[in-house]
Amino acid sequence: MKPTANQSKRKRRREDDIPPDTSTENDTQLKAYKQLESAIRCELHHGHCFVDRTGSIDNHRCLDHSEMTLWAKKIVSLVPVYG
């Protein structure tokens, strides 16, 4: 869709470049990330691991930052929002 003549001549405002406020969503995700980070801290690998404890052997799967961030986003999306 092409802008109209009035829209194309209009000077851009600072507000046009500012994304919408998502601070509450980011705060919630950061809290989930911090809780996840402390819950899956692995002293054996000096990082973060998901430990599968099936059977008598602990199978460690090391997680990187992007996997943990995705996990935190999934956690936040499952939590009901009240307010």
C-alpha atoms as a PDB file:
ATOM      1  CA  MET A   1       0.000   0.000   0.000  1.00  0.00           C
ATOM      2  CA  LYS A   2       1.496   3.327  -1.097  1.00  0.00           C
ATOM      3  CA  PRO A   3       1.361   6.293   1.256  1.00  0.00           C
ATOM      4  CA  THR A   4      -0.907   9.150   0.272  1.00  0.00           C
ATOM      5  CA  ALA A   5       0.541  12.497  -0.734  1.00  0.00           C
ATOM      6  CA  ASN A   6      -0.060  13.925   2.750  1.00  0.00           C
ATOM      7  CA  GLN A   7       1.579  10.959   4.483  1.00  0.00           C
ATOM      8  CA  SER A   8       4.700  10.974   2.321  1.00  0.00           C
ATOM      9  CA  LYS A   9       5.277  14.718   2.883  1.00  0.00           C
ATOM     10  CA  ARG A  10       4.721  14.506   6.621  1.00  0.00           C
ATOM     11  CA  LYS A  11       7.894  14.875   8.645  1.00  0.00           C
ATOM     12  CA  ARG A  12       8.756  11.804  10.683  1.00  0.00           C
ATOM     13  CA  ARG A  13       8.363  12.247  14.391  1.00  0.00           C
ATOM     14  CA  ARG A  14      10.507  10.680  17.091  1.00  0.00           C
ATOM     15  CA  GLU A  15       7.488   8.659  18.236  1.00  0.00           C
ATOM     16  CA  ASP A  16       7.378   6.941  14.831  1.00  0.00           C
ATOM     17  CA  ASP A  17      10.667   5.204  15.604  1.00  0.00           C
ATOM     18  CA  ILE A  18       9.914   4.134  19.175  1.00  0.00           C
ATOM     19  CA  PRO A  19       8.641   0.560  19.487  1.00  0.00           C
ATOM     20  CA  PRO A  20       5.614  -0.091  21.714  1.00  0.00           C
ATOM     21  CA  ASP A  21       6.269  -0.485  25.425  1.00  0.00           C
ATOM     22  CA  THR A  22       6.750  -4.153  26.274  1.00  0.00           C
ATOM     23  CA  SER A  23       8.634  -3.638  29.522  1.00  0.00           C
ATOM     24  CA  THR A  24       6.241  -5.756  31.581  1.00  0.00           C
ATOM     25  CA  GLU A  25       6.595  -8.638  29.122  1.00  0.00           C
ATOM     26  CA  ASN A  26      10.385  -8.290  29.131  1.00  0.00           C
ATOM     27  CA  ASP A  27      10.465  -8.074  32.941  1.00  0.00           C
ATOM     28  CA  THR A  28       8.403 -11.251  33.223  1.00  0.00           C
ATOM     29  CA  GLN A  29      10.622 -13.043  30.732  1.00  0.00           C
ATOM     30  CA  LEU A  30      13.766 -11.876  32.547  1.00  0.00           C
ATOM     31  CA  LYS A  31      12.392 -13.184  35.859  1.00  0.00           C
ATOM     32  CA  ALA A  32      11.594 -16.532  34.252  1.00  0.00           C
ATOM     33  CA  TYR A  33      15.089 -16.639  32.727  1.00  0.00           C
ATOM     34  CA  LYS A  34      16.749 -15.907  36.089  1.00  0.00           C
ATOM     35  CA  GLN A  35      14.704 -18.620  37.828  1.00  0.00           C
ATOM     36  CA  LEU A  36      15.513 -21.083  35.061  1.00  0.00           C
ATOM     37  CA  GLU A  37      19.180 -20.126  35.205  1.00  0.00           C
ATOM     38  CA  SER A  38      19.409 -20.880  38.917  1.00  0.00           C
ATOM     39  CA  ALA A  39      17.358 -24.079  38.626  1.00  0.00           C
ATOM     40  CA  ILE A  40      19.492 -25.712  35.915  1.00  0.00           C
ATOM     41  CA  ARG A  41      22.939 -24.503  36.966  1.00  0.00           C
ATOM     42  CA  CYS A  42      25.405 -27.377  36.520  1.00  0.00           C
ATOM     43  CA  GLU A  43      28.547 -27.467  38.651  1.00  0.00           C
ATOM     44  CA  LEU A  44      29.840 -30.489  36.748  1.00  0.00           C
ATOM     45  CA  HIS A  45      29.972 -28.619  33.411  1.00  0.00           C
ATOM     46  CA  HIS A  46      30.359 -25.073  34.815  1.00  0.00           C
ATOM     47  CA  GLY A  47      27.272 -23.905  32.920  1.00  0.00           C
ATOM     48  CA  HIS A  48      23.635 -24.857  32.542  1.00  0.00           C
ATOM     49  CA  CYS A  49      22.344 -28.342  31.779  1.00  0.00           C
ATOM     50  CA  PHE A  50      19.046 -30.094  31.417  1.00  0.00           C
ATOM     51  CA  VAL A  51      19.541 -33.318  33.368  1.00  0.00           C
ATOM     52  CA  ASP A  52      17.530 -36.343  32.286  1.00  0.00           C
ATOM     53  CA  ARG A  53      17.427 -38.623  35.335  1.00  0.00           C
ATOM     54  CA  THR A  54      15.846 -41.694  33.772  1.00  0.00           C
ATOM     55  CA  GLY A  55      17.341 -44.911  35.032  1.00  0.00           C
ATOM     56  CA  SER A  56      20.414 -44.838  37.233  1.00  0.00           C
ATOM     57  CA  ILE A  57      22.484 -42.514  34.993  1.00  0.00           C
ATOM     58  CA  ASP A  58      22.177 -38.732  34.811  1.00  0.00           C
ATOM     59  CA  ASN A  59      22.320 -37.599  31.176  1.00  0.00           C
ATOM     60  CA  HIS A  60      23.368 -33.936  30.919  1.00  0.00           C
ATOM     61  CA  ARG A  61      22.395 -31.803  27.940  1.00  0.00           C
ATOM     62  CA  CYS A  62      24.240 -28.486  28.038  1.00  0.00           C
ATOM     63  CA  LEU A  63      22.086 -25.475  27.154  1.00  0.00           C
ATOM     64  CA  ASP A  64      23.309 -22.274  25.537  1.00  0.00           C
ATOM     65  CA  HIS A  65      21.902 -18.781  26.016  1.00  0.00           C
ATOM     66  CA  SER A  66      19.529 -18.946  23.029  1.00  0.00           C
ATOM     67  CA  GLU A  67      18.009 -22.248  24.194  1.00  0.00           C
ATOM     68  CA  MET A  68      17.513 -20.889  27.700  1.00  0.00           C
ATOM     69  CA  THR A  69      15.942 -17.686  26.332  1.00  0.00           C
ATOM     70  CA  LEU A  70      13.533 -19.718  24.210  1.00  0.00           C
ATOM     71  CA  TRP A  71      12.681 -21.860  27.221  1.00  0.00           C
ATOM     72  CA  ALA A  72      11.995 -18.728  29.324  1.00  0.00           C
ATOM     73  CA  LYS A  73       9.739 -17.331  26.554  1.00  0.00           C
ATOM     74  CA  LYS A  74       7.790 -20.590  26.490  1.00  0.00           C
ATOM     75  CA  ILE A  75       7.414 -20.520  30.286  1.00  0.00           C
ATOM     76  CA  VAL A  76       6.111 -16.938  30.203  1.00  0.00           C
ATOM     77  CA  SER A  77       3.662 -17.742  27.401  1.00  0.00           C
ATOM     78  CA  LEU A  78       2.143 -20.547  29.492  1.00  0.00           C
ATOM     79  CA  VAL A  79       1.663 -18.469  32.652  1.00  0.00           C
ATOM     80  CA  PRO A  80      -1.794 -16.837  32.804  1.00  0.00           C
ATOM     81  CA  VAL A  81      -1.730 -13.053  33.053  1.00  0.00           C
ATOM     82  CA  TYR A  82      -3.991 -11.454  35.632  1.00  0.00           C
ATOM     83  CA  GLY A  83      -4.746  -7.816  35.917  1.00  0.00           C
END
